[in-house]
Amino acid sequence: MELNRYETVERVIKKLDNKINKLLNEDILKSKELSILIDLRGIYIKEYEGLTRSKNTHEMFKKENGYGK
């Protein structure tokens, strides 16, 4: 399990959220930059969801079969 990757993706999503919120609160809207950040966030969300499924599957096997003990 790539726990480090999971945590890294989680941190990147939080940083992107902060940048997106900052752009939304500025007086002059930078739509191109905002669009890029939103697209990047979408990519990381998909990866995060995949890593979450992998983590959940790993935990399920660990509980059912004693795997990883």
N, C-alpha and C. Protein backbone atom coordinates (compact mmCIF):
# COMPACT_ATOMS: atom_id res chain seq x y z
N MET A 1 0.84 -1.19 0.00
CA MET A 1 0.00 0.00 0.00
C MET A 1 0.88 1.24 0.00
N GLU A 2 0.56 2.13 -0.87
CA GLU A 2 1.32 3.36 -0.97
C GLU A 2 0.71 4.43 -0.07
N LEU A 3 0.89 4.26 1.22
CA LEU A 3 0.31 5.20 2.17
C LEU A 3 0.91 6.59 1.98
N ASN A 4 2.21 6.65 1.69
CA ASN A 4 2.83 7.96 1.48
C ASN A 4 2.20 8.68 0.30
N ARG A 5 1.92 7.95 -0.78
CA ARG A 5 1.29 8.56 -1.96
C ARG A 5 -0.10 9.06 -1.60
N TYR A 6 -0.83 8.27 -0.83
CA TYR A 6 -2.18 8.63 -0.38
C TYR A 6 -2.14 9.95 0.39
N GLU A 7 -1.21 10.04 1.33
CA GLU A 7 -1.09 11.25 2.14
C GLU A 7 -0.63 12.45 1.31
N THR A 8 0.26 12.21 0.36
CA THR A 8 0.74 13.28 -0.51
C THR A 8 -0.39 13.83 -1.37
N VAL A 9 -1.18 12.94 -1.96
CA VAL A 9 -2.31 13.37 -2.79
C VAL A 9 -3.30 14.16 -1.95
N GLU A 10 -3.53 13.70 -0.73
CA GLU A 10 -4.45 14.39 0.18
C GLU A 10 -3.95 15.82 0.46
N ARG A 11 -2.64 15.97 0.70
CA ARG A 11 -2.07 17.30 0.95
C ARG A 11 -2.17 18.20 -0.28
N VAL A 12 -1.92 17.64 -1.45
CA VAL A 12 -1.99 18.42 -2.69
C VAL A 12 -3.41 18.94 -2.90
N ILE A 13 -4.40 18.09 -2.66
CA ILE A 13 -5.81 18.51 -2.81
C ILE A 13 -6.12 19.66 -1.87
N LYS A 14 -5.65 19.58 -0.63
CA LYS A 14 -5.89 20.67 0.33
C LYS A 14 -5.23 21.97 -0.13
N LYS A 15 -4.00 21.86 -0.66
CA LYS A 15 -3.31 23.06 -1.15
C LYS A 15 -4.04 23.66 -2.35
N LEU A 16 -4.50 22.80 -3.26
CA LEU A 16 -5.26 23.29 -4.41
C LEU A 16 -6.55 23.96 -3.95
N ASP A 17 -7.23 23.37 -2.97
CA ASP A 17 -8.45 23.98 -2.43
C ASP A 17 -8.16 25.38 -1.89
N ASN A 18 -7.05 25.52 -1.16
CA ASN A 18 -6.68 26.82 -0.60
C ASN A 18 -6.41 27.84 -1.71
N LYS A 19 -5.69 27.42 -2.76
CA LYS A 19 -5.40 28.33 -3.87
C LYS A 19 -6.67 28.72 -4.61
N ILE A 20 -7.55 27.76 -4.82
CA ILE A 20 -8.82 28.03 -5.50
C ILE A 20 -9.64 29.02 -4.69
N ASN A 21 -9.74 28.80 -3.38
CA ASN A 21 -10.49 29.72 -2.51
C ASN A 21 -9.88 31.11 -2.53
N LYS A 22 -8.55 31.18 -2.53
CA LYS A 22 -7.88 32.48 -2.56
C LYS A 22 -8.21 33.22 -3.86
N LEU A 23 -8.17 32.50 -4.99
CA LEU A 23 -8.50 33.12 -6.27
C LEU A 23 -9.95 33.59 -6.31
N LEU A 24 -10.84 32.80 -5.74
CA LEU A 24 -12.26 33.16 -5.75
C LEU A 24 -12.54 34.40 -4.90
N ASN A 25 -11.68 34.64 -3.91
CA ASN A 25 -11.88 35.79 -3.02
C ASN A 25 -11.18 37.06 -3.49
N GLU A 26 -10.41 36.97 -4.58
CA GLU A 26 -9.73 38.15 -5.10
C GLU A 26 -10.71 39.03 -5.87
N ASP A 27 -10.39 40.32 -5.91
CA ASP A 27 -11.24 41.27 -6.63
C ASP A 27 -11.22 41.02 -8.13
N ILE A 28 -10.04 40.72 -8.66
CA ILE A 28 -9.91 40.46 -10.10
C ILE A 28 -9.83 38.95 -10.30
N LEU A 29 -10.84 38.42 -10.95
CA LEU A 29 -10.91 36.97 -11.16
C LEU A 29 -9.97 36.55 -12.28
N LYS A 30 -9.08 35.63 -11.96
CA LYS A 30 -8.14 35.09 -12.94
C LYS A 30 -8.71 33.76 -13.42
N SER A 31 -9.59 33.83 -14.40
CA SER A 31 -10.35 32.65 -14.81
C SER A 31 -9.48 31.55 -15.40
N LYS A 32 -8.44 31.90 -16.13
CA LYS A 32 -7.56 30.88 -16.74
C LYS A 32 -6.85 30.09 -15.64
N GLU A 33 -6.28 30.80 -14.68
CA GLU A 33 -5.58 30.15 -13.58
C GLU A 33 -6.55 29.31 -12.75
N LEU A 34 -7.72 29.85 -12.50
CA LEU A 34 -8.74 29.12 -11.74
C LEU A 34 -9.15 27.84 -12.46
N SER A 35 -9.33 27.93 -13.75
CA SER A 35 -9.71 26.77 -14.55
C SER A 35 -8.64 25.68 -14.49
N ILE A 36 -7.38 26.08 -14.57
CA ILE A 36 -6.28 25.12 -14.50
C ILE A 36 -6.26 24.44 -13.14
N LEU A 37 -6.40 25.21 -12.07
CA LEU A 37 -6.39 24.64 -10.72
C LEU A 37 -7.56 23.68 -10.51
N ILE A 38 -8.72 24.03 -11.03
CA ILE A 38 -9.88 23.15 -10.89
C ILE A 38 -9.66 21.85 -11.67
N ASP A 39 -9.08 21.95 -12.85
CA ASP A 39 -8.76 20.74 -13.63
C ASP A 39 -7.75 19.86 -12.89
N LEU A 40 -6.71 20.48 -12.35
CA LEU A 40 -5.71 19.72 -11.58
C LEU A 40 -6.35 19.04 -10.38
N ARG A 41 -7.22 19.75 -9.70
CA ARG A 41 -7.90 19.18 -8.53
C ARG A 41 -8.71 17.95 -8.93
N GLY A 42 -9.38 18.03 -10.07
CA GLY A 42 -10.15 16.90 -10.57
C GLY A 42 -9.28 15.67 -10.80
N ILE A 43 -8.09 15.90 -11.36
CA ILE A 43 -7.15 14.80 -11.60
C ILE A 43 -6.73 14.17 -10.27
N TYR A 44 -6.39 15.01 -9.30
CA TYR A 44 -5.96 14.48 -8.00
C TYR A 44 -7.10 13.81 -7.24
N ILE A 45 -8.31 14.30 -7.39
CA ILE A 45 -9.46 13.67 -6.74
C ILE A 45 -9.65 12.26 -7.29
N LYS A 46 -9.52 12.08 -8.60
CA LYS A 46 -9.65 10.74 -9.19
C LYS A 46 -8.58 9.80 -8.65
N GLU A 47 -7.36 10.30 -8.54
CA GLU A 47 -6.28 9.47 -8.00
C GLU A 47 -6.55 9.14 -6.53
N TYR A 48 -7.01 10.13 -5.78
CA TYR A 48 -7.32 9.94 -4.36
C TYR A 48 -8.40 8.88 -4.18
N GLU A 49 -9.42 8.93 -5.02
CA GLU A 49 -10.49 7.93 -4.94
C GLU A 49 -9.96 6.54 -5.24
N GLY A 50 -9.08 6.42 -6.22
CA GLY A 50 -8.47 5.13 -6.53
C GLY A 50 -7.61 4.62 -5.39
N LEU A 51 -6.83 5.50 -4.79
CA LEU A 51 -6.00 5.11 -3.65
C LEU A 51 -6.86 4.73 -2.45
N THR A 52 -7.99 5.41 -2.28
CA THR A 52 -8.90 5.08 -1.18
C THR A 52 -9.49 3.69 -1.37
N ARG A 53 -9.90 3.38 -2.60
CA ARG A 53 -10.42 2.03 -2.88
C ARG A 53 -9.36 0.98 -2.60
N SER A 54 -8.14 1.25 -3.02
CA SER A 54 -7.04 0.32 -2.80
C SER A 54 -6.78 0.13 -1.31
N LYS A 55 -6.81 1.22 -0.57
CA LYS A 55 -6.59 1.17 0.87
C LYS A 55 -7.71 0.37 1.54
N ASN A 56 -8.94 0.61 1.14
CA ASN A 56 -10.08 -0.11 1.72
C ASN A 56 -10.01 -1.60 1.41
N THR A 57 -9.61 -1.95 0.19
CA THR A 57 -9.47 -3.36 -0.19
C THR A 57 -8.37 -4.01 0.64
N HIS A 58 -7.27 -3.32 0.80
CA HIS A 58 -6.16 -3.83 1.61
C HIS A 58 -6.62 -4.08 3.05
N GLU A 59 -7.35 -3.13 3.62
CA GLU A 59 -7.85 -3.28 4.99
C GLU A 59 -8.82 -4.45 5.10
N MET A 60 -9.66 -4.65 4.08
CA MET A 60 -10.62 -5.74 4.09
C MET A 60 -9.89 -7.09 4.12
N PHE A 61 -8.89 -7.26 3.26
CA PHE A 61 -8.14 -8.51 3.23
C PHE A 61 -7.36 -8.70 4.53
N LYS A 62 -6.87 -7.63 5.06
CA LYS A 62 -6.11 -7.69 6.30
C LYS A 62 -7.00 -8.21 7.44
N LYS A 63 -8.24 -7.72 7.51
CA LYS A 63 -9.17 -8.13 8.56
C LYS A 63 -9.66 -9.56 8.35
N GLU A 64 -10.02 -9.90 7.11
CA GLU A 64 -10.61 -11.21 6.83
C GLU A 64 -9.59 -12.34 6.87
N ASN A 65 -8.38 -12.08 6.42
CA ASN A 65 -7.41 -13.15 6.27
C ASN A 65 -6.21 -13.03 7.21
N GLY A 66 -6.21 -12.02 8.02
CA GLY A 66 -5.05 -11.82 8.88
C GLY A 66 -3.82 -11.40 8.09
N TYR A 67 -4.04 -10.96 6.86
CA TYR A 67 -2.95 -10.54 5.99
C TYR A 67 -2.30 -9.27 6.53
N GLY A 68 -0.99 -9.24 6.50
CA GLY A 68 -0.28 -8.04 6.91
C GLY A 68 -0.02 -7.95 8.40
N LYS A 69 -0.34 -9.01 9.12
CA LYS A 69 -0.10 -8.97 10.58
C LYS A 69 1.31 -9.38 10.88
